[in-house]
Amino acid sequence: MKAVQVKGYGDVSKLSLVEIPIPEPKENEVLIKVKACAINNTEIWMREGAYGTDSKSGWRPEGVQFPRTPGSDITGNSKSREVSRRVYSGKRCCVIPFYI
């Protein structure tokens, strides 16, 4: 599949279009065939280094790892086996990042 990856901190020159393998979902995960994807302001600011550029930068304890594939705002169709009564293969879905 094709993906845009961030190779490091900086401007848009740090973005690369790459070919990567289709991920295999783990138990209790859902694979989504993406129809539309957006990059939000947090992902842009992360690439620009607004949250810092040291090994513990970012909004997560592990920091930011490169290469990184942005695009946490996603819509598409689930492709995985049934995980629950509400998530099954072929169902339209939308990802809400960090929703608990």
PDB file of N, CA and C in Angstrom:
ATOM      1  N   MET A   1       0.847  -1.168   0.000  1.00  0.00           N
ATOM      2  CA  MET A   1       0.000   0.000   0.000  1.00  0.00           C
ATOM      3  C   MET A   1       0.890   1.227   0.000  1.00  0.00           C
ATOM      4  N   LYS A   2       0.344   2.364  -0.404  1.00  0.00           N
ATOM      5  CA  LYS A   2       1.094   3.613  -0.410  1.00  0.00           C
ATOM      6  C   LYS A   2       0.816   4.368   0.884  1.00  0.00           C
ATOM      7  N   ALA A   3       1.844   5.064   1.363  1.00  0.00           N
ATOM      8  CA  ALA A   3       1.700   5.876   2.573  1.00  0.00           C
ATOM      9  C   ALA A   3       2.637   7.070   2.453  1.00  0.00           C
ATOM     10  N   VAL A   4       2.258   8.149   3.078  1.00  0.00           N
ATOM     11  CA  VAL A   4       3.152   9.291   3.225  1.00  0.00           C
ATOM     12  C   VAL A   4       3.772   9.165   4.602  1.00  0.00           C
ATOM     13  N   GLN A   5       5.091   9.197   4.664  1.00  0.00           N
ATOM     14  CA  GLN A   5       5.781   9.080   5.944  1.00  0.00           C
ATOM     15  C   GLN A   5       6.591  10.329   6.229  1.00  0.00           C
ATOM     16  N   VAL A   6       6.675  10.653   7.522  1.00  0.00           N
ATOM     17  CA  VAL A   6       7.522  11.740   8.000  1.00  0.00           C
ATOM     18  C   VAL A   6       8.869  11.113   8.348  1.00  0.00           C
ATOM     19  N   LYS A   7       9.943  11.618   7.764  1.00  0.00           N
ATOM     20  CA  LYS A   7      11.279  11.046   7.972  1.00  0.00           C
ATOM     21  C   LYS A   7      12.050  11.736   9.095  1.00  0.00           C
ATOM     22  N   GLY A   8      11.564  12.892   9.572  1.00  0.00           N
ATOM     23  CA  GLY A   8      12.243  13.615  10.644  1.00  0.00           C
ATOM     24  C   GLY A   8      11.574  14.965  10.853  1.00  0.00           C
ATOM     25  N   TYR A   9      12.110  15.734  11.768  1.00  0.00           N
ATOM     26  CA  TYR A   9      11.554  17.066  12.044  1.00  0.00           C
ATOM     27  C   TYR A   9      11.915  18.027  10.923  1.00  0.00           C
ATOM     28  N   GLY A  10      10.956  18.910  10.579  1.00  0.00           N
ATOM     29  CA  GLY A  10      11.238  19.924   9.569  1.00  0.00           C
ATOM     30  C   GLY A  10      10.010  20.287   8.764  1.00  0.00           C
ATOM     31  N   ASP A  11      10.262  20.835   7.582  1.00  0.00           N
ATOM     32  CA  ASP A  11       9.166  21.278   6.719  1.00  0.00           C
ATOM     33  C   ASP A  11       8.660  20.109   5.866  1.00  0.00           C
ATOM     34  N   VAL A  12       7.886  20.421   4.828  1.00  0.00           N
ATOM     35  CA  VAL A  12       7.283  19.365   4.007  1.00  0.00           C
ATOM     36  C   VAL A  12       8.314  18.532   3.248  1.00  0.00           C
ATOM     37  N   SER A  13       9.554  19.004   3.180  1.00  0.00           N
ATOM     38  CA  SER A  13      10.595  18.198   2.530  1.00  0.00           C
ATOM     39  C   SER A  13      10.886  16.920   3.315  1.00  0.00           C
ATOM     40  N   LYS A  14      10.399  16.818   4.556  1.00  0.00           N
ATOM     41  CA  LYS A  14      10.581  15.621   5.379  1.00  0.00           C
ATOM     42  C   LYS A  14       9.503  14.572   5.120  1.00  0.00           C
ATOM     43  N   LEU A  15       8.594  14.837   4.167  1.00  0.00           N
ATOM     44  CA  LEU A  15       7.543  13.886   3.806  1.00  0.00           C
ATOM     45  C   LEU A  15       7.973  13.078   2.590  1.00  0.00           C
ATOM     46  N   SER A  16       7.707  11.778   2.614  1.00  0.00           N
ATOM     47  CA  SER A  16       8.044  10.904   1.486  1.00  0.00           C
ATOM     48  C   SER A  16       6.880   9.969   1.199  1.00  0.00           C
ATOM     49  N   LEU A  17       6.577   9.780  -0.087  1.00  0.00           N
ATOM     50  CA  LEU A  17       5.589   8.783  -0.508  1.00  0.00           C
ATOM     51  C   LEU A  17       6.321   7.457  -0.619  1.00  0.00           C
ATOM     52  N   VAL A  18       5.847   6.461   0.136  1.00  0.00           N
ATOM     53  CA  VAL A  18       6.526   5.164   0.179  1.00  0.00           C
ATOM     54  C   VAL A  18       5.523   4.033  -0.039  1.00  0.00           C
ATOM     55  N   GLU A  19       6.046   2.882  -0.379  1.00  0.00           N
ATOM     56  CA  GLU A  19       5.251   1.652  -0.487  1.00  0.00           C
ATOM     57  C   GLU A  19       5.556   0.827   0.758  1.00  0.00           C
ATOM     58  N   ILE A  20       4.531   0.445   1.520  1.00  0.00           N
ATOM     59  CA  ILE A  20       4.727  -0.356   2.728  1.00  0.00           C
ATOM     60  C   ILE A  20       3.786  -1.554   2.697  1.00  0.00           C
ATOM     61  N   PRO A  21       4.112  -2.620   3.438  1.00  0.00           N
ATOM     62  CA  PRO A  21       3.213  -3.785   3.461  1.00  0.00           C
ATOM     63  C   PRO A  21       1.892  -3.461   4.159  1.00  0.00           C
ATOM     64  N   ILE A  22       0.831  -4.119   3.733  1.00  0.00           N
ATOM     65  CA  ILE A  22      -0.461  -3.974   4.410  1.00  0.00           C
ATOM     66  C   ILE A  22      -0.314  -4.599   5.793  1.00  0.00           C
ATOM     67  N   PRO A  23      -0.667  -3.859   6.849  1.00  0.00           N
ATOM     68  CA  PRO A  23      -0.492  -4.393   8.203  1.00  0.00           C
ATOM     69  C   PRO A  23      -1.400  -5.589   8.473  1.00  0.00           C
ATOM     70  N   GLU A  24      -0.948  -6.472   9.334  1.00  0.00           N
ATOM     71  CA  GLU A  24      -1.743  -7.600   9.805  1.00  0.00           C
ATOM     72  C   GLU A  24      -2.300  -7.222  11.181  1.00  0.00           C
ATOM     73  N   PRO A  25      -3.619  -7.176  11.334  1.00  0.00           N
ATOM     74  CA  PRO A  25      -4.176  -6.809  12.640  1.00  0.00           C
ATOM     75  C   PRO A  25      -3.913  -7.878  13.692  1.00  0.00           C
ATOM     76  N   LYS A  26      -3.635  -7.431  14.893  1.00  0.00           N
ATOM     77  CA  LYS A  26      -3.459  -8.337  16.026  1.00  0.00           C
ATOM     78  C   LYS A  26      -4.828  -8.617  16.639  1.00  0.00           C
ATOM     79  N   GLU A  27      -4.858  -9.463  17.653  1.00  0.00           N
ATOM     80  CA  GLU A  27      -6.110  -9.769  18.330  1.00  0.00           C
ATOM     81  C   GLU A  27      -6.733  -8.483  18.866  1.00  0.00           C
ATOM     82  N   ASN A  28      -8.033  -8.347  18.694  1.00  0.00           N
ATOM     83  CA  ASN A  28      -8.812  -7.185  19.114  1.00  0.00           C
ATOM     84  C   ASN A  28      -8.442  -5.905  18.368  1.00  0.00           C
ATOM     85  N   GLU A  29      -7.820  -6.019  17.197  1.00  0.00           N
ATOM     86  CA  GLU A  29      -7.547  -4.878  16.333  1.00  0.00           C
ATOM     87  C   GLU A  29      -8.353  -5.035  15.051  1.00  0.00           C
ATOM     88  N   VAL A  30      -8.586  -3.926  14.388  1.00  0.00           N
ATOM     89  CA  VAL A  30      -9.365  -3.922  13.150  1.00  0.00           C
ATOM     90  C   VAL A  30      -8.520  -3.304  12.048  1.00  0.00           C
ATOM     91  N   LEU A  31      -8.454  -3.957  10.896  1.00  0.00           N
ATOM     92  CA  LEU A  31      -7.806  -3.407   9.714  1.00  0.00           C
ATOM     93  C   LEU A  31      -8.856  -2.602   8.959  1.00  0.00           C
ATOM     94  N   ILE A  32      -8.501  -1.397   8.539  1.00  0.00           N
ATOM     95  CA  ILE A  32      -9.434  -0.521   7.829  1.00  0.00           C
ATOM     96  C   ILE A  32      -8.891  -0.239   6.433  1.00  0.00           C
ATOM     97  N   LYS A  33      -9.722  -0.458   5.416  1.00  0.00           N
ATOM     98  CA  LYS A  33      -9.382  -0.025   4.063  1.00  0.00           C
ATOM     99  C   LYS A  33      -9.745   1.450   3.993  1.00  0.00           C
ATOM    100  N   VAL A  34      -8.745   2.291   3.967  1.00  0.00           N
ATOM    101  CA  VAL A  34      -8.945   3.743   4.064  1.00  0.00           C
ATOM    102  C   VAL A  34      -9.498   4.288   2.762  1.00  0.00           C
ATOM    103  N   LYS A  35     -10.575   5.071   2.891  1.00  0.00           N
ATOM    104  CA  LYS A  35     -11.150   5.763   1.738  1.00  0.00           C
ATOM    105  C   LYS A  35     -10.742   7.222   1.730  1.00  0.00           C
ATOM    106  N   ALA A  36     -10.625   7.821   2.918  1.00  0.00           N
ATOM    107  CA  ALA A  36     -10.205   9.218   3.047  1.00  0.00           C
ATOM    108  C   ALA A  36      -9.419   9.365   4.339  1.00  0.00           C
ATOM    109  N   CYS A  37      -8.418  10.219   4.299  1.00  0.00           N
ATOM    110  CA  CYS A  37      -7.544  10.409   5.454  1.00  0.00           C
ATOM    111  C   CYS A  37      -7.146  11.874   5.519  1.00  0.00           C
ATOM    112  N   ALA A  38      -7.034  12.406   6.713  1.00  0.00           N
ATOM    113  CA  ALA A  38      -6.614  13.800   6.901  1.00  0.00           C
ATOM    114  C   ALA A  38      -5.484  13.858   7.908  1.00  0.00           C
ATOM    115  N   ILE A  39      -4.654  14.851   7.747  1.00  0.00           N
ATOM    116  CA  ILE A  39      -3.599  15.123   8.721  1.00  0.00           C
ATOM    117  C   ILE A  39      -4.072  16.314   9.540  1.00  0.00           C
ATOM    118  N   ASN A  40      -4.100  16.148  10.863  1.00  0.00           N
ATOM    119  CA  ASN A  40      -4.598  17.238  11.703  1.00  0.00           C
ATOM    120  C   ASN A  40      -3.460  18.135  12.176  1.00  0.00           C
ATOM    121  N   ASN A  41      -3.830  19.230  12.829  1.00  0.00           N
ATOM    122  CA  ASN A  41      -2.838  20.218  13.241  1.00  0.00           C
ATOM    123  C   ASN A  41      -1.795  19.645  14.205  1.00  0.00           C
ATOM    124  N   THR A  42      -2.170  18.729  15.079  1.00  0.00           N
ATOM    125  CA  THR A  42      -1.218  18.137  16.009  1.00  0.00           C
ATOM    126  C   THR A  42      -0.119  17.389  15.261  1.00  0.00           C
ATOM    127  N   GLU A  43      -0.481  16.687  14.197  1.00  0.00           N
ATOM    128  CA  GLU A  43       0.512  15.951  13.405  1.00  0.00           C
ATOM    129  C   GLU A  43       1.452  16.904  12.651  1.00  0.00           C
ATOM    130  N   ILE A  44       0.917  18.013  12.170  1.00  0.00           N
ATOM    131  CA  ILE A  44       1.749  19.017  11.495  1.00  0.00           C
ATOM    132  C   ILE A  44       2.708  19.641  12.504  1.00  0.00           C
ATOM    133  N   TRP A  45       2.198  20.030  13.666  1.00  0.00           N
ATOM    134  CA  TRP A  45       3.052  20.653  14.684  1.00  0.00           C
ATOM    135  C   TRP A  45       4.124  19.687  15.179  1.00  0.00           C
ATOM    136  N   MET A  46       3.787  18.394  15.279  1.00  0.00           N
ATOM    137  CA  MET A  46       4.781  17.403  15.681  1.00  0.00           C
ATOM    138  C   MET A  46       5.923  17.382  14.668  1.00  0.00           C
ATOM    139  N   ARG A  47       5.585  17.322  13.369  1.00  0.00           N
ATOM    140  CA  ARG A  47       6.618  17.310  12.325  1.00  0.00           C
ATOM    141  C   ARG A  47       7.478  18.558  12.382  1.00  0.00           C
ATOM    142  N   GLU A  48       6.865  19.693  12.680  1.00  0.00           N
ATOM    143  CA  GLU A  48       7.603  20.954  12.748  1.00  0.00           C
ATOM    144  C   GLU A  48       8.440  21.085  14.022  1.00  0.00           C
ATOM    145  N   GLY A  49       8.252  20.172  14.988  1.00  0.00           N
ATOM    146  CA  GLY A  49       9.032  20.209  16.217  1.00  0.00           C
ATOM    147  C   GLY A  49       8.442  21.065  17.317  1.00  0.00           C
ATOM    148  N   ALA A  50       7.152  21.408  17.211  1.00  0.00           N
ATOM    149  CA  ALA A  50       6.517  22.279  18.201  1.00  0.00           C
ATOM    150  C   ALA A  50       6.460  21.652  19.593  1.00  0.00           C
ATOM    151  N   TYR A  51       6.524  20.334  19.682  1.00  0.00           N
ATOM    152  CA  TYR A  51       6.463  19.650  20.977  1.00  0.00           C
ATOM    153  C   TYR A  51       7.859  19.273  21.473  1.00  0.00           C
ATOM    154  N   GLY A  52       8.878  19.755  20.791  1.00  0.00           N
ATOM    155  CA  GLY A  52      10.250  19.425  21.146  1.00  0.00           C
ATOM    156  C   GLY A  52      10.828  18.432  20.151  1.00  0.00           C
ATOM    157  N   THR A  53      12.143  18.315  20.149  1.00  0.00           N
ATOM    158  CA  THR A  53      12.805  17.408  19.208  1.00  0.00           C
ATOM    159  C   THR A  53      13.772  16.449  19.901  1.00  0.00           C
ATOM    160  N   ASP A  54      13.719  16.380  21.227  1.00  0.00           N
ATOM    161  CA  ASP A  54      14.589  15.424  21.914  1.00  0.00           C
ATOM    162  C   ASP A  54      13.941  14.042  21.929  1.00  0.00           C
ATOM    163  N   SER A  55      14.580  13.071  22.547  1.00  0.00           N
ATOM    164  CA  SER A  55      14.095  11.685  22.501  1.00  0.00           C
ATOM    165  C   SER A  55      12.771  11.474  23.228  1.00  0.00           C
ATOM    166  N   LYS A  56      12.356  12.385  24.091  1.00  0.00           N
ATOM    167  CA  LYS A  56      11.086  12.252  24.811  1.00  0.00           C
ATOM    168  C   LYS A  56      10.085  13.318  24.382  1.00  0.00           C
ATOM    169  N   SER A  57      10.241  13.857  23.176  1.00  0.00           N
ATOM    170  CA  SER A  57       9.325  14.885  22.707  1.00  0.00           C
ATOM    171  C   SER A  57       7.981  14.274  22.324  1.00  0.00           C
ATOM    172  N   GLY A  58       7.004  15.114  22.106  1.00  0.00           N
ATOM    173  CA  GLY A  58       5.692  14.647  21.690  1.00  0.00           C
ATOM    174  C   GLY A  58       4.729  14.581  22.852  1.00  0.00           C
ATOM    175  N   TRP A  59       3.618  13.948  22.619  1.00  0.00           N
ATOM    176  CA  TRP A  59       2.553  13.887  23.621  1.00  0.00           C
ATOM    177  C   TRP A  59       2.461  12.505  24.264  1.00  0.00           C
ATOM    178  N   ARG A  60       3.360  11.599  23.894  1.00  0.00           N
ATOM    179  CA  ARG A  60       3.383  10.259  24.474  1.00  0.00           C
ATOM    180  C   ARG A  60       4.705  10.034  25.197  1.00  0.00           C
ATOM    181  N   PRO A  61       4.707   9.201  26.234  1.00  0.00           N
ATOM    182  CA  PRO A  61       5.937   8.981  27.002  1.00  0.00           C
ATOM    183  C   PRO A  61       7.105   8.446  26.173  1.00  0.00           C
ATOM    184  N   GLU A  62       6.828   7.657  25.135  1.00  0.00           N
ATOM    185  CA  GLU A  62       7.909   7.079  24.337  1.00  0.00           C
ATOM    186  C   GLU A  62       8.500   8.062  23.336  1.00  0.00           C
ATOM    187  N   GLY A  63       7.911   9.246  23.230  1.00  0.00           N
ATOM    188  CA  GLY A  63       8.411  10.238  22.279  1.00  0.00           C
ATOM    189  C   GLY A  63       7.989   9.929  20.864  1.00  0.00           C
ATOM    190  N   VAL A  64       8.571  10.612  19.904  1.00  0.00           N
ATOM    191  CA  VAL A  64       8.237  10.456  18.491  1.00  0.00           C
ATOM    192  C   VAL A  64       9.287   9.566  17.834  1.00  0.00           C
ATOM    193  N   GLN A  65       8.839   8.553  17.105  1.00  0.00           N
ATOM    194  CA  GLN A  65       9.729   7.644  16.387  1.00  0.00           C
ATOM    195  C   GLN A  65       9.576   7.889  14.882  1.00  0.00           C
ATOM    196  N   PHE A  66      10.684   7.909  14.167  1.00  0.00           N
ATOM    197  CA  PHE A  66      10.661   8.087  12.714  1.00  0.00           C
ATOM    198  C   PHE A  66      11.182   6.817  12.051  1.00  0.00           C
ATOM    199  N   PRO A  67      10.713   6.455  10.850  1.00  0.00           N
ATOM    200  CA  PRO A  67       9.670   7.159  10.120  1.00  0.00           C
ATOM    201  C   PRO A  67       8.312   6.983  10.792  1.00  0.00           C
ATOM    202  N   ARG A  68       7.456   7.951  10.563  1.00  0.00           N
ATOM    203  CA  ARG A  68       6.138   7.980  11.186  1.00  0.00           C
ATOM    204  C   ARG A  68       5.109   8.216  10.087  1.00  0.00           C
ATOM    205  N   THR A  69       4.013   7.471  10.132  1.00  0.00           N
ATOM    206  CA  THR A  69       2.947   7.644   9.146  1.00  0.00           C
ATOM    207  C   THR A  69       1.815   8.436   9.788  1.00  0.00           C
ATOM    208  N   PRO A  70       1.665   9.712   9.425  1.00  0.00           N
ATOM    209  CA  PRO A  70       0.574  10.514   9.994  1.00  0.00           C
ATOM    210  C   PRO A  70      -0.749  10.153   9.334  1.00  0.00           C
ATOM    211  N   GLY A  71      -1.811  10.740   9.826  1.00  0.00           N
ATOM    212  CA  GLY A  71      -3.129  10.503   9.256  1.00  0.00           C
ATOM    213  C   GLY A  71      -4.042   9.816  10.233  1.00  0.00           C
ATOM    214  N   SER A  72      -4.232  10.416  11.394  1.00  0.00           N
ATOM    215  CA  SER A  72      -5.035   9.768  12.433  1.00  0.00           C
ATOM    216  C   SER A  72      -6.531  10.023  12.266  1.00  0.00           C
ATOM    217  N   ASP A  73      -6.910  10.861  11.321  1.00  0.00           N
ATOM    218  CA  ASP A  73      -8.327  11.100  11.042  1.00  0.00           C
ATOM    219  C   ASP A  73      -8.676  10.317   9.783  1.00  0.00           C
ATOM    220  N   ILE A  74      -9.380   9.189   9.962  1.00  0.00           N
ATOM    221  CA  ILE A  74      -9.562   8.224   8.881  1.00  0.00           C
ATOM    222  C   ILE A  74     -11.029   7.810   8.761  1.00  0.00           C
ATOM    223  N   THR A  75     -11.450   7.563   7.522  1.00  0.00           N
ATOM    224  CA  THR A  75     -12.730   6.929   7.270  1.00  0.00           C
ATOM    225  C   THR A  75     -12.523   5.837   6.215  1.00  0.00           C
ATOM    226  N   GLY A  76     -13.298   4.775   6.311  1.00  0.00           N
ATOM    227  CA  GLY A  76     -13.156   3.674   5.363  1.00  0.00           C
ATOM    228  C   GLY A  76     -14.074   2.529   5.723  1.00  0.00           C
ATOM    229  N   ASN A  77     -13.650   1.323   5.369  1.00  0.00           N
ATOM    230  CA  ASN A  77     -14.422   0.115   5.659  1.00  0.00           C
ATOM    231  C   ASN A  77     -13.540  -0.870   6.413  1.00  0.00           C
ATOM    232  N   SER A  78     -14.116  -1.486   7.449  1.00  0.00           N
ATOM    233  CA  SER A  78     -13.355  -2.488   8.200  1.00  0.00           C
ATOM    234  C   SER A  78     -13.151  -3.715   7.314  1.00  0.00           C
ATOM    235  N   LYS A  79     -11.972  -4.318   7.438  1.00  0.00           N
ATOM    236  CA  LYS A  79     -11.623  -5.475   6.626  1.00  0.00           C
ATOM    237  C   LYS A  79     -11.353  -6.704   7.488  1.00  0.00           C
ATOM    238  N   SER A  80     -11.455  -6.570   8.798  1.00  0.00           N
ATOM    239  CA  SER A  80     -11.065  -7.642   9.709  1.00  0.00           C
ATOM    240  C   SER A  80     -12.226  -8.542  10.067  1.00  0.00           C
ATOM    241  N   ARG A  81     -11.857  -9.628  10.709  1.00  0.00           N
ATOM    242  CA  ARG A  81     -12.875 -10.513  11.270  1.00  0.00           C
ATOM    243  C   ARG A  81     -13.679  -9.751  12.325  1.00  0.00           C
ATOM    244  N   GLU A  82     -14.790 -10.292  12.720  1.00  0.00           N
ATOM    245  CA  GLU A  82     -15.620  -9.646  13.739  1.00  0.00           C
ATOM    246  C   GLU A  82     -14.862  -9.566  15.059  1.00  0.00           C
ATOM    247  N   VAL A  83     -14.835  -8.379  15.648  1.00  0.00           N
ATOM    248  CA  VAL A  83     -14.178  -8.159  16.933  1.00  0.00           C
ATOM    249  C   VAL A  83     -15.230  -7.999  18.027  1.00  0.00           C
ATOM    250  N   SER A  84     -16.351  -7.415  17.661  1.00  0.00           N
ATOM    251  CA  SER A  84     -17.458  -7.257  18.601  1.00  0.00           C
ATOM    252  C   SER A  84     -18.750  -7.228  17.793  1.00  0.00           C
ATOM    253  N   ARG A  85     -19.864  -7.073  18.473  1.00  0.00           N
ATOM    254  CA  ARG A  85     -21.149  -7.016  17.762  1.00  0.00           C
ATOM    255  C   ARG A  85     -21.219  -5.801  16.851  1.00  0.00           C
ATOM    256  N   ARG A  86     -20.431  -4.757  17.144  1.00  0.00           N
ATOM    257  CA  ARG A  86     -20.526  -3.520  16.374  1.00  0.00           C
ATOM    258  C   ARG A  86     -19.429  -3.349  15.337  1.00  0.00           C
ATOM    259  N   VAL A  87     -18.418  -4.197  15.324  1.00  0.00           N
ATOM    260  CA  VAL A  87     -17.320  -4.065  14.363  1.00  0.00           C
ATOM    261  C   VAL A  87     -17.206  -5.382  13.594  1.00  0.00           C
ATOM    262  N   TYR A  88     -17.502  -5.356  12.310  1.00  0.00           N
ATOM    263  CA  TYR A  88     -17.372  -6.555  11.504  1.00  0.00           C
ATOM    264  C   TYR A  88     -16.924  -6.175  10.097  1.00  0.00           C
ATOM    265  N   SER A  89     -16.447  -7.128   9.358  1.00  0.00           N
ATOM    266  CA  SER A  89     -15.872  -6.895   8.044  1.00  0.00           C
ATOM    267  C   SER A  89     -16.857  -6.223   7.105  1.00  0.00           C
ATOM    268  N   GLY A  90     -16.378  -5.193   6.421  1.00  0.00           N
ATOM    269  CA  GLY A  90     -17.182  -4.486   5.440  1.00  0.00           C
ATOM    270  C   GLY A  90     -17.966  -3.316   5.987  1.00  0.00           C
ATOM    271  N   LYS A  91     -18.039  -3.167   7.289  1.00  0.00           N
ATOM    272  CA  LYS A  91     -18.815  -2.079   7.884  1.00  0.00           C
ATOM    273  C   LYS A  91     -18.076  -0.758   7.719  1.00  0.00           C
ATOM    274  N   ARG A  92     -18.813   0.297   7.356  1.00  0.00           N
ATOM    275  CA  ARG A  92     -18.221   1.629   7.275  1.00  0.00           C
ATOM    276  C   ARG A  92     -17.796   2.074   8.658  1.00  0.00           C
ATOM    277  N   CYS A  93     -16.674   2.769   8.728  1.00  0.00           N
ATOM    278  CA  CYS A  93     -16.185   3.215  10.033  1.00  0.00           C
ATOM    279  C   CYS A  93     -15.399   4.517   9.900  1.00  0.00           C
ATOM    280  N   CYS A  94     -15.195   5.115  11.040  1.00  0.00           N
ATOM    281  CA  CYS A  94     -14.409   6.338  11.150  1.00  0.00           C
ATOM    282  C   CYS A  94     -13.574   6.219  12.408  1.00  0.00           C
ATOM    283  N   VAL A  95     -12.332   6.674  12.341  1.00  0.00           N
ATOM    284  CA  VAL A  95     -11.431   6.579  13.488  1.00  0.00           C
ATOM    285  C   VAL A  95     -11.457   7.889  14.254  1.00  0.00           C
ATOM    286  N   ILE A  96     -11.645   7.783  15.557  1.00  0.00           N
ATOM    287  CA  ILE A  96     -11.584   8.948  16.448  1.00  0.00           C
ATOM    288  C   ILE A  96     -10.353   8.732  17.316  1.00  0.00           C
ATOM    289  N   PRO A  97      -9.238   9.414  17.005  1.00  0.00           N
ATOM    290  CA  PRO A  97      -7.999   9.155  17.737  1.00  0.00           C
ATOM    291  C   PRO A  97      -8.131   9.448  19.228  1.00  0.00           C
ATOM    292  N   PHE A  98      -7.542   8.573  20.020  1.00  0.00           N
ATOM    293  CA  PHE A  98      -7.450   8.721  21.467  1.00  0.00           C
ATOM    294  C   PHE A  98      -8.795   8.734  22.157  1.00  0.00           C
ATOM    295  N   TYR A  99      -9.834   8.234  21.492  1.00  0.00           N
ATOM    296  CA  TYR A  99     -11.156   8.139  22.125  1.00  0.00           C
ATOM    297  C   TYR A  99     -11.158   6.946  23.055  1.00  0.00           C
ATOM    298  N   ILE A 100     -11.570   7.172  24.287  1.00  0.00           N
ATOM    299  CA  ILE A 100     -11.617   6.074  25.261  1.00  0.00           C
ATOM    300  C   ILE A 100     -13.022   5.970  25.805  1.00  0.00           C
TER     301      ILE A 100
END
